[in-house]
Amino acid sequence: GEDTLQFQHLISDSDEDRRSGNAKY
């Protein structure tokens, strides 16, 4: 709908760089 993003488009439009998210707490 309006102001929404498509899941598959978000995947296909992004690169696959494996950089870490530094998810350390």
PDB file of all heavy atoms in Angstrom:
ATOM      1  N   GLY A   1       0.809  -1.211   0.000  1.00  0.00           N
ATOM      2  CA  GLY A   1       0.000   0.000   0.000  1.00  0.00           C
ATOM      3  C   GLY A   1       0.836   1.252   0.000  1.00  0.00           C
ATOM      4  O   GLY A   1       2.048   1.218  -0.253  1.00  0.00           O
ATOM      5  N   GLU A   2       0.208   2.359   0.341  1.00  0.00           N
ATOM      6  CA  GLU A   2       0.887   3.647   0.377  1.00  0.00           C
ATOM      7  C   GLU A   2       1.908   3.655   1.514  1.00  0.00           C
ATOM      8  O   GLU A   2       1.650   3.171   2.612  1.00  0.00           O
ATOM      9  CB  GLU A   2      -0.150   4.767   0.582  1.00  0.00           C
ATOM     10  CG  GLU A   2       0.438   6.158   0.507  1.00  0.00           C
ATOM     11  CD  GLU A   2      -0.624   7.230   0.676  1.00  0.00           C
ATOM     12  OE1 GLU A   2      -1.816   6.873   0.754  1.00  0.00           O
ATOM     13  OE2 GLU A   2      -0.246   8.406   0.728  1.00  0.00           O
ATOM     14  N   ASP A   3       3.079   4.213   1.233  1.00  0.00           N
ATOM     15  CA  ASP A   3       4.144   4.337   2.233  1.00  0.00           C
ATOM     16  C   ASP A   3       4.616   2.993   2.767  1.00  0.00           C
ATOM     17  O   ASP A   3       5.002   2.875   3.933  1.00  0.00           O
ATOM     18  CB  ASP A   3       3.681   5.209   3.411  1.00  0.00           C
ATOM     19  CG  ASP A   3       3.347   6.625   2.979  1.00  0.00           C
ATOM     20  OD1 ASP A   3       3.991   7.121   2.028  1.00  0.00           O
ATOM     21  OD2 ASP A   3       2.439   7.223   3.579  1.00  0.00           O
ATOM     22  N   THR A   4       4.568   1.968   1.936  1.00  0.00           N
ATOM     23  CA  THR A   4       5.084   0.661   2.337  1.00  0.00           C
ATOM     24  C   THR A   4       6.131   0.204   1.322  1.00  0.00           C
ATOM     25  O   THR A   4       6.196   0.701   0.197  1.00  0.00           O
ATOM     26  CB  THR A   4       3.970  -0.394   2.429  1.00  0.00           C
ATOM     27  OG1 THR A   4       3.368  -0.564   1.139  1.00  0.00           O
ATOM     28  CG2 THR A   4       2.913   0.005   3.447  1.00  0.00           C
ATOM     29  N   LEU A   5       6.942  -0.744   1.739  1.00  0.00           N
ATOM     30  CA  LEU A   5       7.990  -1.304   0.886  1.00  0.00           C
ATOM     31  C   LEU A   5       7.729  -2.785   0.676  1.00  0.00           C
ATOM     32  O   LEU A   5       7.190  -3.463   1.561  1.00  0.00           O
ATOM     33  CB  LEU A   5       9.361  -1.113   1.547  1.00  0.00           C
ATOM     34  CG  LEU A   5       9.787   0.324   1.866  1.00  0.00           C
ATOM     35  CD1 LEU A   5      11.011   0.320   2.776  1.00  0.00           C
ATOM     36  CD2 LEU A   5      10.084   1.077   0.571  1.00  0.00           C
ATOM     37  N   GLN A   6       8.125  -3.284  -0.469  1.00  0.00           N
ATOM     38  CA  GLN A   6       7.954  -4.700  -0.767  1.00  0.00           C
ATOM     39  C   GLN A   6       9.191  -5.468  -0.313  1.00  0.00           C
ATOM     40  O   GLN A   6      10.317  -5.104  -0.644  1.00  0.00           O
ATOM     41  CB  GLN A   6       7.720  -4.891  -2.262  1.00  0.00           C
ATOM     42  CG  GLN A   6       6.690  -5.961  -2.605  1.00  0.00           C
ATOM     43  CD  GLN A   6       7.295  -7.370  -2.533  1.00  0.00           C
ATOM     44  OE1 GLN A   6       8.485  -7.543  -2.648  1.00  0.00           O
ATOM     45  NE2 GLN A   6       6.447  -8.368  -2.337  1.00  0.00           N
ATOM     46  N   PHE A   7       8.977  -6.497   0.481  1.00  0.00           N
ATOM     47  CA  PHE A   7      10.051  -7.309   1.063  1.00  0.00           C
ATOM     48  C   PHE A   7      11.034  -7.787   0.004  1.00  0.00           C
ATOM     49  O   PHE A   7      12.247  -7.601   0.127  1.00  0.00           O
ATOM     50  CB  PHE A   7       9.414  -8.492   1.796  1.00  0.00           C
ATOM     51  CG  PHE A   7      10.368  -9.416   2.504  1.00  0.00           C
ATOM     52  CD1 PHE A   7      10.751  -9.173   3.813  1.00  0.00           C
ATOM     53  CD2 PHE A   7      10.846 -10.557   1.877  1.00  0.00           C
ATOM     54  CE1 PHE A   7      11.604 -10.040   4.481  1.00  0.00           C
ATOM     55  CE2 PHE A   7      11.696 -11.422   2.528  1.00  0.00           C
ATOM     56  CZ  PHE A   7      12.072 -11.168   3.837  1.00  0.00           C
ATOM     57  N   GLN A   8      10.515  -8.384  -1.066  1.00  0.00           N
ATOM     58  CA  GLN A   8      11.384  -8.950  -2.085  1.00  0.00           C
ATOM     59  C   GLN A   8      12.131  -7.866  -2.856  1.00  0.00           C
ATOM     60  O   GLN A   8      13.290  -8.046  -3.241  1.00  0.00           O
ATOM     61  CB  GLN A   8      10.575  -9.825  -3.054  1.00  0.00           C
ATOM     62  CG  GLN A   8      11.438 -10.727  -3.928  1.00  0.00           C
ATOM     63  CD  GLN A   8      12.371 -11.613  -3.106  1.00  0.00           C
ATOM     64  OE1 GLN A   8      11.965 -12.261  -2.152  1.00  0.00           O
ATOM     65  NE2 GLN A   8      13.652 -11.625  -3.467  1.00  0.00           N
ATOM     66  N   HIS A   9      11.495  -6.712  -3.047  1.00  0.00           N
ATOM     67  CA  HIS A   9      12.176  -5.614  -3.721  1.00  0.00           C
ATOM     68  C   HIS A   9      13.322  -5.084  -2.869  1.00  0.00           C
ATOM     69  O   HIS A   9      14.386  -4.721  -3.401  1.00  0.00           O
ATOM     70  CB  HIS A   9      11.194  -4.481  -4.027  1.00  0.00           C
ATOM     71  CG  HIS A   9      10.220  -4.808  -5.105  1.00  0.00           C
ATOM     72  ND1 HIS A   9       9.152  -3.996  -5.424  1.00  0.00           N
ATOM     73  CD2 HIS A   9      10.139  -5.880  -5.948  1.00  0.00           C
ATOM     74  CE1 HIS A   9       8.453  -4.549  -6.419  1.00  0.00           C
ATOM     75  NE2 HIS A   9       9.034  -5.695  -6.738  1.00  0.00           N
ATOM     76  N   LEU A  10      13.113  -5.019  -1.562  1.00  0.00           N
ATOM     77  CA  LEU A  10      14.164  -4.546  -0.667  1.00  0.00           C
ATOM     78  C   LEU A  10      15.378  -5.473  -0.739  1.00  0.00           C
ATOM     79  O   LEU A  10      16.524  -5.012  -0.699  1.00  0.00           O
ATOM     80  CB  LEU A  10      13.640  -4.474   0.767  1.00  0.00           C
ATOM     81  CG  LEU A  10      14.546  -3.804   1.804  1.00  0.00           C
ATOM     82  CD1 LEU A  10      14.844  -2.364   1.413  1.00  0.00           C
ATOM     83  CD2 LEU A  10      13.893  -3.858   3.189  1.00  0.00           C
ATOM     84  N   ILE A  11      15.111  -6.775  -0.882  1.00  0.00           N
ATOM     85  CA  ILE A  11      16.205  -7.738  -1.020  1.00  0.00           C
ATOM     86  C   ILE A  11      16.898  -7.577  -2.382  1.00  0.00           C
ATOM     87  O   ILE A  11      18.117  -7.470  -2.466  1.00  0.00           O
ATOM     88  CB  ILE A  11      15.677  -9.177  -0.851  1.00  0.00           C
ATOM     89  CG1 ILE A  11      15.288  -9.425   0.612  1.00  0.00           C
ATOM     90  CG2 ILE A  11      16.726 -10.203  -1.304  1.00  0.00           C
ATOM     91  CD1 ILE A  11      14.693 -10.794   0.872  1.00  0.00           C
ATOM     92  N   SER A  12      16.106  -7.553  -3.449  1.00  0.00           N
ATOM     93  CA  SER A  12      16.693  -7.517  -4.795  1.00  0.00           C
ATOM     94  C   SER A  12      17.429  -6.216  -5.080  1.00  0.00           C
ATOM     95  O   SER A  12      18.368  -6.186  -5.891  1.00  0.00           O
ATOM     96  CB  SER A  12      15.603  -7.743  -5.853  1.00  0.00           C
ATOM     97  OG  SER A  12      14.609  -6.743  -5.774  1.00  0.00           O
ATOM     98  N   ASP A  13      17.038  -5.133  -4.404  1.00  0.00           N
ATOM     99  CA  ASP A  13      17.670  -3.836  -4.646  1.00  0.00           C
ATOM    100  C   ASP A  13      18.885  -3.586  -3.762  1.00  0.00           C
ATOM    101  O   ASP A  13      19.481  -2.505  -3.822  1.00  0.00           O
ATOM    102  CB  ASP A  13      16.661  -2.701  -4.422  1.00  0.00           C
ATOM    103  CG  ASP A  13      15.551  -2.696  -5.456  1.00  0.00           C
ATOM    104  OD1 ASP A  13      15.726  -3.331  -6.516  1.00  0.00           O
ATOM    105  OD2 ASP A  13      14.504  -2.065  -5.196  1.00  0.00           O
ATOM    106  N   SER A  14      19.257  -4.571  -2.933  1.00  0.00           N
ATOM    107  CA  SER A  14      20.372  -4.381  -2.006  1.00  0.00           C
ATOM    108  C   SER A  14      21.532  -5.302  -2.366  1.00  0.00           C
ATOM    109  O   SER A  14      21.339  -6.347  -2.992  1.00  0.00           O
ATOM    110  CB  SER A  14      19.916  -4.663  -0.565  1.00  0.00           C
ATOM    111  OG  SER A  14      18.843  -3.814  -0.207  1.00  0.00           O
ATOM    112  N   ASP A  15      22.746  -4.900  -1.963  1.00  0.00           N
ATOM    113  CA  ASP A  15      23.908  -5.744  -2.237  1.00  0.00           C
ATOM    114  C   ASP A  15      24.009  -6.826  -1.166  1.00  0.00           C
ATOM    115  O   ASP A  15      23.297  -6.797  -0.164  1.00  0.00           O
ATOM    116  CB  ASP A  15      25.189  -4.912  -2.304  1.00  0.00           C
ATOM    117  CG  ASP A  15      25.501  -4.206  -0.999  1.00  0.00           C
ATOM    118  OD1 ASP A  15      25.643  -4.887   0.023  1.00  0.00           O
ATOM    119  OD2 ASP A  15      25.586  -2.960  -0.984  1.00  0.00           O
ATOM    120  N   GLU A  16      24.922  -7.773  -1.391  1.00  0.00           N
ATOM    121  CA  GLU A  16      25.047  -8.889  -0.461  1.00  0.00           C
ATOM    122  C   GLU A  16      26.355  -8.863   0.310  1.00  0.00           C
ATOM    123  O   GLU A  16      26.858  -9.895   0.744  1.00  0.00           O
ATOM    124  CB  GLU A  16      24.901 -10.226  -1.189  1.00  0.00           C
ATOM    125  CG  GLU A  16      25.856 -10.441  -2.350  1.00  0.00           C
ATOM    126  CD  GLU A  16      25.683 -11.818  -2.973  1.00  0.00           C
ATOM    127  OE1 GLU A  16      25.880 -12.812  -2.264  1.00  0.00           O
ATOM    128  OE2 GLU A  16      25.325 -11.877  -4.170  1.00  0.00           O
ATOM    129  N   ASP A  17      26.883  -7.673   0.508  1.00  0.00           N
ATOM    130  CA  ASP A  17      28.091  -7.528   1.307  1.00  0.00           C
ATOM    131  C   ASP A  17      27.859  -8.144   2.683  1.00  0.00           C
ATOM    132  O   ASP A  17      26.832  -7.903   3.317  1.00  0.00           O
ATOM    133  CB  ASP A  17      28.424  -6.033   1.441  1.00  0.00           C
ATOM    134  CG  ASP A  17      29.615  -5.789   2.341  1.00  0.00           C
ATOM    135  OD1 ASP A  17      30.465  -6.681   2.440  1.00  0.00           O
ATOM    136  OD2 ASP A  17      29.675  -4.700   2.940  1.00  0.00           O
ATOM    137  N   ARG A  18      28.831  -8.914   3.162  1.00  0.00           N
ATOM    138  CA  ARG A  18      28.666  -9.635   4.421  1.00  0.00           C
ATOM    139  C   ARG A  18      29.163  -8.868   5.636  1.00  0.00           C
ATOM    140  O   ARG A  18      29.428  -9.469   6.665  1.00  0.00           O
ATOM    141  CB  ARG A  18      29.418 -10.972   4.373  1.00  0.00           C
ATOM    142  CG  ARG A  18      28.813 -12.007   3.457  1.00  0.00           C
ATOM    143  CD  ARG A  18      29.446 -13.343   3.726  1.00  0.00           C
ATOM    144  NE  ARG A  18      28.869 -14.395   2.918  1.00  0.00           N
ATOM    145  CZ  ARG A  18      28.996 -15.681   3.181  1.00  0.00           C
ATOM    146  NH1 ARG A  18      29.667 -16.076   4.230  1.00  0.00           N
ATOM    147  NH2 ARG A  18      28.447 -16.591   2.401  1.00  0.00           N
ATOM    148  N   ARG A  19      29.288  -7.561   5.553  1.00  0.00           N
ATOM    149  CA  ARG A  19      29.869  -6.844   6.684  1.00  0.00           C
ATOM    150  C   ARG A  19      29.080  -7.105   7.959  1.00  0.00           C
ATOM    151  O   ARG A  19      27.868  -7.233   7.954  1.00  0.00           O
ATOM    152  CB  ARG A  19      29.968  -5.347   6.406  1.00  0.00           C
ATOM    153  CG  ARG A  19      28.643  -4.628   6.209  1.00  0.00           C
ATOM    154  CD  ARG A  19      28.913  -3.178   5.816  1.00  0.00           C
ATOM    155  NE  ARG A  19      27.704  -2.410   5.637  1.00  0.00           N
ATOM    156  CZ  ARG A  19      27.012  -2.366   4.531  1.00  0.00           C
ATOM    157  NH1 ARG A  19      27.391  -3.106   3.510  1.00  0.00           N
ATOM    158  NH2 ARG A  19      25.927  -1.617   4.435  1.00  0.00           N
ATOM    159  N   SER A  20      29.789  -7.141   9.046  1.00  0.00           N
ATOM    160  CA  SER A  20      29.185  -7.466  10.340  1.00  0.00           C
ATOM    161  C   SER A  20      28.339  -6.315  10.837  1.00  0.00           C
ATOM    162  O   SER A  20      28.621  -5.149  10.574  1.00  0.00           O
ATOM    163  CB  SER A  20      30.283  -7.763  11.368  1.00  0.00           C
ATOM    164  OG  SER A  20      29.745  -7.849  12.667  1.00  0.00           O
ATOM    165  N   GLY A  21      27.305  -6.666  11.571  1.00  0.00           N
ATOM    166  CA  GLY A  21      26.486  -5.639  12.207  1.00  0.00           C
ATOM    167  C   GLY A  21      27.024  -5.231  13.567  1.00  0.00           C
ATOM    168  O   GLY A  21      26.466  -4.359  14.228  1.00  0.00           O
ATOM    169  N   ASN A  22      28.127  -5.847  14.019  1.00  0.00           N
ATOM    170  CA  ASN A  22      28.701  -5.550  15.331  1.00  0.00           C
ATOM    171  C   ASN A  22      27.649  -5.656  16.422  1.00  0.00           C
ATOM    172  O   ASN A  22      27.555  -4.810  17.309  1.00  0.00           O
ATOM    173  CB  ASN A  22      29.319  -4.141  15.350  1.00  0.00           C
ATOM    174  CG  ASN A  22      30.496  -4.036  14.410  1.00  0.00           C
ATOM    175  OD1 ASN A  22      31.318  -4.937  14.329  1.00  0.00           O
ATOM    176  ND2 ASN A  22      30.582  -2.929  13.672  1.00  0.00           N
ATOM    177  N   ALA A  23      26.838  -6.716  16.359  1.00  0.00           N
ATOM    178  CA  ALA A  23      25.746  -6.887  17.315  1.00  0.00           C
ATOM    179  C   ALA A  23      26.276  -7.496  18.602  1.00  0.00           C
ATOM    180  O   ALA A  23      26.023  -8.648  18.917  1.00  0.00           O
ATOM    181  CB  ALA A  23      24.660  -7.777  16.712  1.00  0.00           C
ATOM    182  N   LYS A  24      27.053  -6.687  19.338  1.00  0.00           N
ATOM    183  CA  LYS A  24      27.658  -7.176  20.570  1.00  0.00           C
ATOM    184  C   LYS A  24      27.204  -6.304  21.728  1.00  0.00           C
ATOM    185  O   LYS A  24      27.292  -5.079  21.654  1.00  0.00           O
ATOM    186  CB  LYS A  24      29.186  -7.162  20.448  1.00  0.00           C
ATOM    187  CG  LYS A  24      29.698  -7.946  19.249  1.00  0.00           C
ATOM    188  CD  LYS A  24      31.161  -7.651  18.995  1.00  0.00           C
ATOM    189  CE  LYS A  24      31.624  -8.332  17.708  1.00  0.00           C
ATOM    190  NZ  LYS A  24      33.019  -8.004  17.377  1.00  0.00           N
ATOM    191  N   TYR A  25      26.761  -6.911  22.793  1.00  0.00           N
ATOM    192  CA  TYR A  25      26.242  -6.178  23.929  1.00  0.00           C
ATOM    193  C   TYR A  25      26.947  -6.639  25.194  1.00  0.00           C
ATOM    194  O   TYR A  25      27.192  -7.826  25.377  1.00  0.00           O
ATOM    195  CB  TYR A  25      24.734  -6.399  24.064  1.00  0.00           C
ATOM    196  CG  TYR A  25      23.939  -5.887  22.892  1.00  0.00           C
ATOM    197  CD1 TYR A  25      23.689  -6.694  21.781  1.00  0.00           C
ATOM    198  CD2 TYR A  25      23.461  -4.586  22.884  1.00  0.00           C
ATOM    199  CE1 TYR A  25      22.974  -6.218  20.696  1.00  0.00           C
ATOM    200  CE2 TYR A  25      22.736  -4.104  21.801  1.00  0.00           C
ATOM    201  CZ  TYR A  25      22.493  -4.913  20.715  1.00  0.00           C
ATOM    202  OH  TYR A  25      21.797  -4.449  19.640  1.00  0.00           O
TER     203      TYR A  25
END
